[in-house]
Amino acid sequence: MDNNKTPVNPIPPQPTTPPAPTPQQPVQPTPQPAPVQQPPQAKVGSHKGIMWLVGGLIIGVLALGGIYLFLNSKQAANKQSTQTDNTTTPSAIPSAQSESLDQQLNSVNVEATDSGFTSVDSDLSNL
């Protein structure tokens, strides 16, 4: 037996560790359903500006219409006053002048109205 042999050192025992986890898919939390968002409710006061605008437009249109009617009635009153000043009443016409007008009216030949159109008829027939 040989004494020159080196003694074999025994392997010291390893401390026990828990087994390493095997690689698995990472655990993801289950997604929560997204809350349904409703559009914000319109406040009653939000239409206040629109109501002021519509009211202002209505008042403006009524004011313009009133001014238009006022000016037209004023002009109509002026026309009536000038017409009454310029016209004469039938009693103011002298009798001699009315007799001459009656004679002129009686001299007009109303029955021969087609006589003025004979030249026009002949021109049209030549076309």
N, C-alpha and C. Protein backbone atom coordinates (compact mmCIF):
# COMPACT_ATOMS: atom_id res chain seq x y z
N MET A 1 0.79 -1.13 0.00
CA MET A 1 0.00 0.00 0.00
C MET A 1 0.85 1.22 0.00
N ASP A 2 0.40 1.89 -0.71
CA ASP A 2 1.15 3.10 -0.95
C ASP A 2 0.68 4.17 0.01
N ASN A 3 1.60 4.78 0.60
CA ASN A 3 1.21 5.84 1.51
C ASN A 3 1.31 7.20 0.81
N ASN A 4 1.76 7.17 -0.36
CA ASN A 4 1.93 8.43 -1.07
C ASN A 4 0.61 8.93 -1.67
N LYS A 5 -0.33 8.29 -1.54
CA LYS A 5 -1.60 8.71 -2.13
C LYS A 5 -2.14 9.90 -1.37
N THR A 6 -2.65 10.74 -2.14
CA THR A 6 -3.26 11.90 -1.51
C THR A 6 -4.67 11.53 -1.08
N PRO A 7 -4.96 11.90 0.03
CA PRO A 7 -6.30 11.55 0.47
C PRO A 7 -7.35 12.30 -0.35
N VAL A 8 -8.32 11.67 -0.62
CA VAL A 8 -9.41 12.26 -1.39
C VAL A 8 -10.31 13.01 -0.41
N ASN A 9 -10.45 14.20 -0.76
CA ASN A 9 -11.33 15.01 0.10
C ASN A 9 -12.79 14.78 -0.32
N PRO A 10 -13.53 14.50 0.60
CA PRO A 10 -14.94 14.32 0.23
C PRO A 10 -15.55 15.68 -0.13
N ILE A 11 -16.48 15.67 -0.99
CA ILE A 11 -17.16 16.89 -1.43
C ILE A 11 -18.07 17.34 -0.30
N PRO A 12 -17.87 18.53 0.06
CA PRO A 12 -18.72 18.98 1.16
C PRO A 12 -20.18 19.03 0.69
N PRO A 13 -21.09 18.75 1.53
CA PRO A 13 -22.49 18.76 1.11
C PRO A 13 -22.95 20.20 0.78
N GLN A 14 -23.72 20.32 -0.28
CA GLN A 14 -24.27 21.61 -0.72
C GLN A 14 -25.50 21.93 0.13
N PRO A 15 -25.67 23.19 0.43
CA PRO A 15 -26.88 23.51 1.18
C PRO A 15 -28.11 23.30 0.28
N THR A 16 -29.17 22.89 0.85
CA THR A 16 -30.37 22.61 0.09
C THR A 16 -31.10 23.93 -0.21
N THR A 17 -31.35 24.07 -1.48
CA THR A 17 -32.11 25.25 -1.92
C THR A 17 -33.39 24.76 -2.57
N PRO A 18 -34.42 25.56 -2.51
CA PRO A 18 -35.65 25.10 -3.15
C PRO A 18 -35.44 24.99 -4.65
N PRO A 19 -36.17 24.14 -5.26
CA PRO A 19 -35.96 23.95 -6.70
C PRO A 19 -36.30 25.23 -7.46
N ALA A 20 -35.52 25.52 -8.45
CA ALA A 20 -35.73 26.72 -9.26
C ALA A 20 -37.02 26.58 -10.06
N PRO A 21 -37.78 27.65 -10.12
CA PRO A 21 -39.05 27.54 -10.86
C PRO A 21 -38.77 27.35 -12.34
N THR A 22 -39.57 26.56 -12.92
CA THR A 22 -39.42 26.33 -14.35
C THR A 22 -40.00 27.53 -15.09
N PRO A 23 -39.39 27.91 -16.19
CA PRO A 23 -39.92 29.08 -16.90
C PRO A 23 -41.31 28.78 -17.45
N GLN A 24 -42.24 29.62 -17.07
CA GLN A 24 -43.62 29.53 -17.54
C GLN A 24 -44.01 30.89 -18.10
N GLN A 25 -45.18 30.91 -18.67
CA GLN A 25 -45.66 32.19 -19.18
C GLN A 25 -45.93 33.10 -17.98
N PRO A 26 -45.55 34.33 -18.14
CA PRO A 26 -45.79 35.22 -17.00
C PRO A 26 -47.28 35.38 -16.77
N VAL A 27 -47.65 35.46 -15.56
CA VAL A 27 -49.05 35.60 -15.19
C VAL A 27 -49.43 37.07 -15.36
N GLN A 28 -50.42 37.27 -16.24
CA GLN A 28 -50.89 38.64 -16.47
C GLN A 28 -52.25 38.79 -15.80
N PRO A 29 -52.46 39.94 -15.22
CA PRO A 29 -53.77 40.12 -14.60
C PRO A 29 -54.84 40.19 -15.69
N THR A 30 -56.00 39.69 -15.37
CA THR A 30 -57.08 39.70 -16.36
C THR A 30 -57.52 41.14 -16.57
N PRO A 31 -57.68 41.53 -17.84
CA PRO A 31 -58.06 42.93 -18.10
C PRO A 31 -59.49 43.19 -17.64
N GLN A 32 -59.65 44.31 -17.01
CA GLN A 32 -60.98 44.72 -16.57
C GLN A 32 -61.69 45.39 -17.75
N PRO A 33 -62.97 45.18 -17.94
CA PRO A 33 -63.67 45.85 -19.05
C PRO A 33 -63.62 47.36 -18.83
N ALA A 34 -63.39 48.05 -19.94
CA ALA A 34 -63.29 49.51 -19.86
C ALA A 34 -64.67 50.07 -19.55
N PRO A 35 -64.73 51.01 -18.62
CA PRO A 35 -66.05 51.58 -18.31
C PRO A 35 -66.56 52.39 -19.50
N VAL A 36 -67.83 52.24 -19.79
CA VAL A 36 -68.44 52.96 -20.90
C VAL A 36 -68.63 54.41 -20.47
N GLN A 37 -68.03 55.31 -21.27
CA GLN A 37 -68.15 56.72 -20.93
C GLN A 37 -69.31 57.32 -21.69
N GLN A 38 -70.20 57.91 -20.97
CA GLN A 38 -71.33 58.58 -21.60
C GLN A 38 -70.95 60.03 -21.82
N PRO A 39 -71.46 60.61 -22.91
CA PRO A 39 -71.14 62.02 -23.14
C PRO A 39 -71.67 62.84 -21.98
N PRO A 40 -70.98 63.89 -21.66
CA PRO A 40 -71.45 64.70 -20.54
C PRO A 40 -72.82 65.30 -20.84
N GLN A 41 -73.64 65.29 -19.85
CA GLN A 41 -74.99 65.81 -20.01
C GLN A 41 -74.91 67.32 -20.23
N ALA A 42 -75.70 67.80 -21.19
CA ALA A 42 -75.71 69.23 -21.47
C ALA A 42 -76.36 69.96 -20.31
N LYS A 43 -75.71 70.98 -19.87
CA LYS A 43 -76.26 71.76 -18.78
C LYS A 43 -77.30 72.72 -19.34
N VAL A 44 -78.25 73.03 -18.52
CA VAL A 44 -79.31 73.95 -18.95
C VAL A 44 -78.70 75.31 -19.23
N GLY A 45 -77.71 75.72 -18.51
CA GLY A 45 -77.10 77.02 -18.68
C GLY A 45 -76.25 77.13 -19.93
N SER A 46 -75.90 76.00 -20.56
CA SER A 46 -75.04 76.05 -21.74
C SER A 46 -75.78 76.61 -22.95
N HIS A 47 -77.10 76.56 -22.96
CA HIS A 47 -77.88 77.09 -24.08
C HIS A 47 -78.22 78.56 -23.87
N LYS A 48 -77.73 79.11 -22.82
CA LYS A 48 -78.06 80.49 -22.48
C LYS A 48 -77.55 81.46 -23.54
N GLY A 49 -76.34 81.23 -24.03
CA GLY A 49 -75.77 82.10 -25.06
C GLY A 49 -76.54 82.03 -26.36
N ILE A 50 -76.95 80.84 -26.73
CA ILE A 50 -77.73 80.66 -27.97
C ILE A 50 -79.07 81.35 -27.84
N MET A 51 -79.69 81.24 -26.68
CA MET A 51 -80.98 81.89 -26.47
C MET A 51 -80.85 83.41 -26.56
N TRP A 52 -79.79 83.96 -26.03
CA TRP A 52 -79.56 85.41 -26.12
C TRP A 52 -79.38 85.82 -27.58
N LEU A 53 -78.66 85.00 -28.34
CA LEU A 53 -78.43 85.32 -29.75
C LEU A 53 -79.73 85.29 -30.54
N VAL A 54 -80.53 84.27 -30.34
CA VAL A 54 -81.81 84.16 -31.05
C VAL A 54 -82.74 85.30 -30.64
N GLY A 55 -82.79 85.60 -29.36
CA GLY A 55 -83.63 86.70 -28.88
C GLY A 55 -83.18 88.04 -29.48
N GLY A 56 -81.88 88.24 -29.55
CA GLY A 56 -81.36 89.48 -30.13
C GLY A 56 -81.70 89.61 -31.60
N LEU A 57 -81.61 88.48 -32.33
CA LEU A 57 -81.97 88.51 -33.75
C LEU A 57 -83.45 88.83 -33.94
N ILE A 58 -84.29 88.25 -33.13
CA ILE A 58 -85.73 88.50 -33.24
C ILE A 58 -86.04 89.96 -32.95
N ILE A 59 -85.43 90.50 -31.91
CA ILE A 59 -85.66 91.91 -31.57
C ILE A 59 -85.14 92.81 -32.68
N GLY A 60 -84.00 92.47 -33.26
CA GLY A 60 -83.46 93.27 -34.36
C GLY A 60 -84.36 93.27 -35.58
N VAL A 61 -84.88 92.10 -35.94
CA VAL A 61 -85.78 92.01 -37.10
C VAL A 61 -87.06 92.79 -36.83
N LEU A 62 -87.60 92.69 -35.63
CA LEU A 62 -88.80 93.44 -35.31
C LEU A 62 -88.55 94.95 -35.34
N ALA A 63 -87.39 95.37 -34.85
CA ALA A 63 -87.06 96.80 -34.87
C ALA A 63 -86.93 97.31 -36.30
N LEU A 64 -86.25 96.54 -37.16
CA LEU A 64 -86.11 96.95 -38.56
C LEU A 64 -87.46 96.99 -39.26
N GLY A 65 -88.32 96.03 -38.99
CA GLY A 65 -89.66 96.02 -39.58
C GLY A 65 -90.47 97.21 -39.12
N GLY A 66 -90.35 97.57 -37.84
CA GLY A 66 -91.07 98.73 -37.33
C GLY A 66 -90.59 100.02 -37.97
N ILE A 67 -89.28 100.14 -38.13
CA ILE A 67 -88.73 101.34 -38.78
C ILE A 67 -89.21 101.42 -40.23
N TYR A 68 -89.20 100.30 -40.93
CA TYR A 68 -89.65 100.27 -42.33
C TYR A 68 -91.12 100.69 -42.44
N LEU A 69 -91.96 100.13 -41.59
CA LEU A 69 -93.38 100.49 -41.64
C LEU A 69 -93.60 101.96 -41.27
N PHE A 70 -92.85 102.45 -40.30
CA PHE A 70 -92.99 103.84 -39.89
C PHE A 70 -92.62 104.78 -41.03
N LEU A 71 -91.51 104.49 -41.70
CA LEU A 71 -91.09 105.36 -42.79
C LEU A 71 -92.05 105.30 -43.97
N ASN A 72 -92.56 104.10 -44.28
CA ASN A 72 -93.52 103.97 -45.38
C ASN A 72 -94.82 104.68 -45.09
N SER A 73 -95.29 104.62 -43.86
CA SER A 73 -96.54 105.31 -43.53
C SER A 73 -96.34 106.82 -43.59
N LYS A 74 -95.16 107.27 -43.22
CA LYS A 74 -94.85 108.70 -43.29
C LYS A 74 -94.81 109.17 -44.74
N GLN A 75 -94.21 108.37 -45.62
CA GLN A 75 -94.16 108.72 -47.03
C GLN A 75 -95.54 108.68 -47.66
N ALA A 76 -96.34 107.71 -47.27
CA ALA A 76 -97.70 107.62 -47.81
C ALA A 76 -98.53 108.83 -47.37
N ALA A 77 -98.33 109.28 -46.16
CA ALA A 77 -99.06 110.46 -45.68
C ALA A 77 -98.63 111.69 -46.46
N ASN A 78 -97.33 111.79 -46.77
CA ASN A 78 -96.84 112.92 -47.55
C ASN A 78 -97.40 112.90 -48.97
N LYS A 79 -97.49 111.72 -49.58
CA LYS A 79 -98.04 111.61 -50.94
C LYS A 79 -99.50 112.00 -50.97
N GLN A 80 -100.26 111.58 -49.96
CA GLN A 80 -101.68 111.90 -49.92
C GLN A 80 -101.88 113.40 -49.76
N SER A 81 -101.06 114.03 -48.96
CA SER A 81 -101.23 115.47 -48.75
C SER A 81 -100.88 116.24 -50.02
N THR A 82 -99.86 115.78 -50.77
CA THR A 82 -99.52 116.48 -52.01
C THR A 82 -100.55 116.21 -53.09
N GLN A 83 -101.14 115.03 -53.11
CA GLN A 83 -102.14 114.72 -54.12
C GLN A 83 -103.41 115.52 -53.89
N THR A 84 -103.80 115.71 -52.66
CA THR A 84 -105.02 116.46 -52.40
C THR A 84 -104.83 117.94 -52.74
N ASP A 85 -103.62 118.43 -52.64
CA ASP A 85 -103.36 119.82 -52.98
C ASP A 85 -103.40 120.04 -54.49
N ASN A 86 -102.93 119.08 -55.27
CA ASN A 86 -102.82 119.23 -56.72
C ASN A 86 -104.11 118.94 -57.47
N THR A 87 -104.96 118.13 -56.92
CA THR A 87 -106.18 117.75 -57.64
C THR A 87 -107.24 118.82 -57.44
N THR A 88 -108.09 118.91 -58.44
CA THR A 88 -109.20 119.86 -58.36
C THR A 88 -110.50 119.09 -58.33
N THR A 89 -111.45 119.65 -57.74
CA THR A 89 -112.75 118.99 -57.66
C THR A 89 -113.51 119.20 -58.96
N PRO A 90 -114.40 118.30 -59.31
CA PRO A 90 -115.14 118.44 -60.56
C PRO A 90 -115.95 119.74 -60.64
N SER A 91 -116.35 120.27 -59.56
CA SER A 91 -117.14 121.51 -59.61
C SER A 91 -116.27 122.71 -59.98
N ALA A 92 -114.97 122.58 -59.87
CA ALA A 92 -114.08 123.70 -60.16
C ALA A 92 -113.82 123.83 -61.66
N ILE A 93 -114.14 122.80 -62.47
CA ILE A 93 -113.91 122.87 -63.91
C ILE A 93 -114.94 123.81 -64.52
N PRO A 94 -114.50 124.79 -65.30
CA PRO A 94 -115.48 125.71 -65.92
C PRO A 94 -116.36 124.96 -66.91
N SER A 95 -117.53 125.42 -67.10
CA SER A 95 -118.49 124.73 -67.96
C SER A 95 -118.06 124.78 -69.43
N ALA A 96 -117.40 125.83 -69.88
CA ALA A 96 -116.94 125.93 -71.27
C ALA A 96 -115.89 124.86 -71.56
N GLN A 97 -115.05 124.63 -70.61
CA GLN A 97 -114.00 123.63 -70.81
C GLN A 97 -114.61 122.23 -70.83
N SER A 98 -115.60 121.96 -70.01
CA SER A 98 -116.24 120.65 -70.01
C SER A 98 -117.00 120.40 -71.31
N GLU A 99 -117.58 121.47 -71.90
CA GLU A 99 -118.29 121.30 -73.16
C GLU A 99 -117.33 120.95 -74.29
N SER A 100 -116.14 121.56 -74.29
CA SER A 100 -115.16 121.25 -75.34
C SER A 100 -114.65 119.82 -75.19
N LEU A 101 -114.52 119.35 -73.97
CA LEU A 101 -114.09 117.96 -73.75
C LEU A 101 -115.17 117.00 -74.22
N ASP A 102 -116.43 117.33 -73.98
CA ASP A 102 -117.52 116.48 -74.44
C ASP A 102 -117.54 116.40 -75.97
N GLN A 103 -117.29 117.51 -76.63
CA GLN A 103 -117.27 117.50 -78.10
C GLN A 103 -116.13 116.64 -78.63
N GLN A 104 -114.98 116.73 -77.99
CA GLN A 104 -113.84 115.92 -78.44
C GLN A 104 -114.12 114.44 -78.24
N LEU A 105 -114.75 114.09 -77.15
CA LEU A 105 -115.10 112.69 -76.90
C LEU A 105 -116.10 112.18 -77.91
N ASN A 106 -117.05 112.98 -78.28
CA ASN A 106 -118.06 112.56 -79.24
C ASN A 106 -117.48 112.44 -80.64
N SER A 107 -116.41 113.18 -80.96
CA SER A 107 -115.84 113.13 -82.29
C SER A 107 -114.99 111.88 -82.52
N VAL A 108 -114.63 111.17 -81.47
CA VAL A 108 -113.82 109.95 -81.62
C VAL A 108 -114.70 108.85 -82.20
N ASN A 109 -114.21 108.19 -83.28
CA ASN A 109 -114.94 107.12 -83.93
C ASN A 109 -114.54 105.80 -83.27
N VAL A 110 -115.38 105.31 -82.39
CA VAL A 110 -115.07 104.10 -81.64
C VAL A 110 -115.40 102.85 -82.45
N GLU A 111 -116.36 102.93 -83.36
CA GLU A 111 -116.78 101.75 -84.10
C GLU A 111 -115.76 101.30 -85.12
N ALA A 112 -114.92 102.17 -85.61
CA ALA A 112 -113.95 101.81 -86.63
C ALA A 112 -112.58 101.53 -86.01
N THR A 113 -112.53 100.65 -85.01
CA THR A 113 -111.25 100.36 -84.33
C THR A 113 -110.33 99.53 -85.21
N ASP A 114 -110.86 98.71 -86.14
CA ASP A 114 -110.03 97.86 -86.98
C ASP A 114 -109.41 98.61 -88.15
N SER A 115 -109.84 99.81 -88.40
CA SER A 115 -109.33 100.54 -89.56
C SER A 115 -107.85 100.89 -89.41
N GLY A 116 -107.37 101.06 -88.20
CA GLY A 116 -105.95 101.38 -87.99
C GLY A 116 -105.04 100.19 -88.17
N PHE A 117 -105.59 98.99 -88.20
CA PHE A 117 -104.77 97.79 -88.28
C PHE A 117 -104.68 97.20 -89.68
N THR A 118 -105.27 97.81 -90.66
CA THR A 118 -105.23 97.24 -92.01
C THR A 118 -103.81 97.22 -92.55
N SER A 119 -103.04 98.24 -92.31
CA SER A 119 -101.64 98.24 -92.82
C SER A 119 -100.81 97.18 -92.08
N VAL A 120 -101.07 96.97 -90.80
CA VAL A 120 -100.34 95.95 -90.04
C VAL A 120 -100.71 94.58 -90.53
N ASP A 121 -102.00 94.36 -90.81
CA ASP A 121 -102.45 93.06 -91.33
C ASP A 121 -101.81 92.76 -92.67
N SER A 122 -101.71 93.76 -93.54
CA SER A 122 -101.13 93.53 -94.86
C SER A 122 -99.62 93.22 -94.73
N ASP A 123 -98.95 93.90 -93.80
CA ASP A 123 -97.52 93.61 -93.58
C ASP A 123 -97.31 92.20 -93.03
N LEU A 124 -98.18 91.77 -92.18
CA LEU A 124 -98.04 90.42 -91.60
C LEU A 124 -98.34 89.35 -92.64
N SER A 125 -99.27 89.62 -93.51
CA SER A 125 -99.59 88.61 -94.53
C SER A 125 -98.45 88.48 -95.55
N ASN A 126 -97.65 89.54 -95.72
CA ASN A 126 -96.51 89.50 -96.65
C ASN A 126 -95.36 88.67 -96.08
N LEU A 127 -95.33 88.44 -94.83
CA LEU A 127 -94.24 87.66 -94.23
C LEU A 127 -94.42 86.25 -94.60
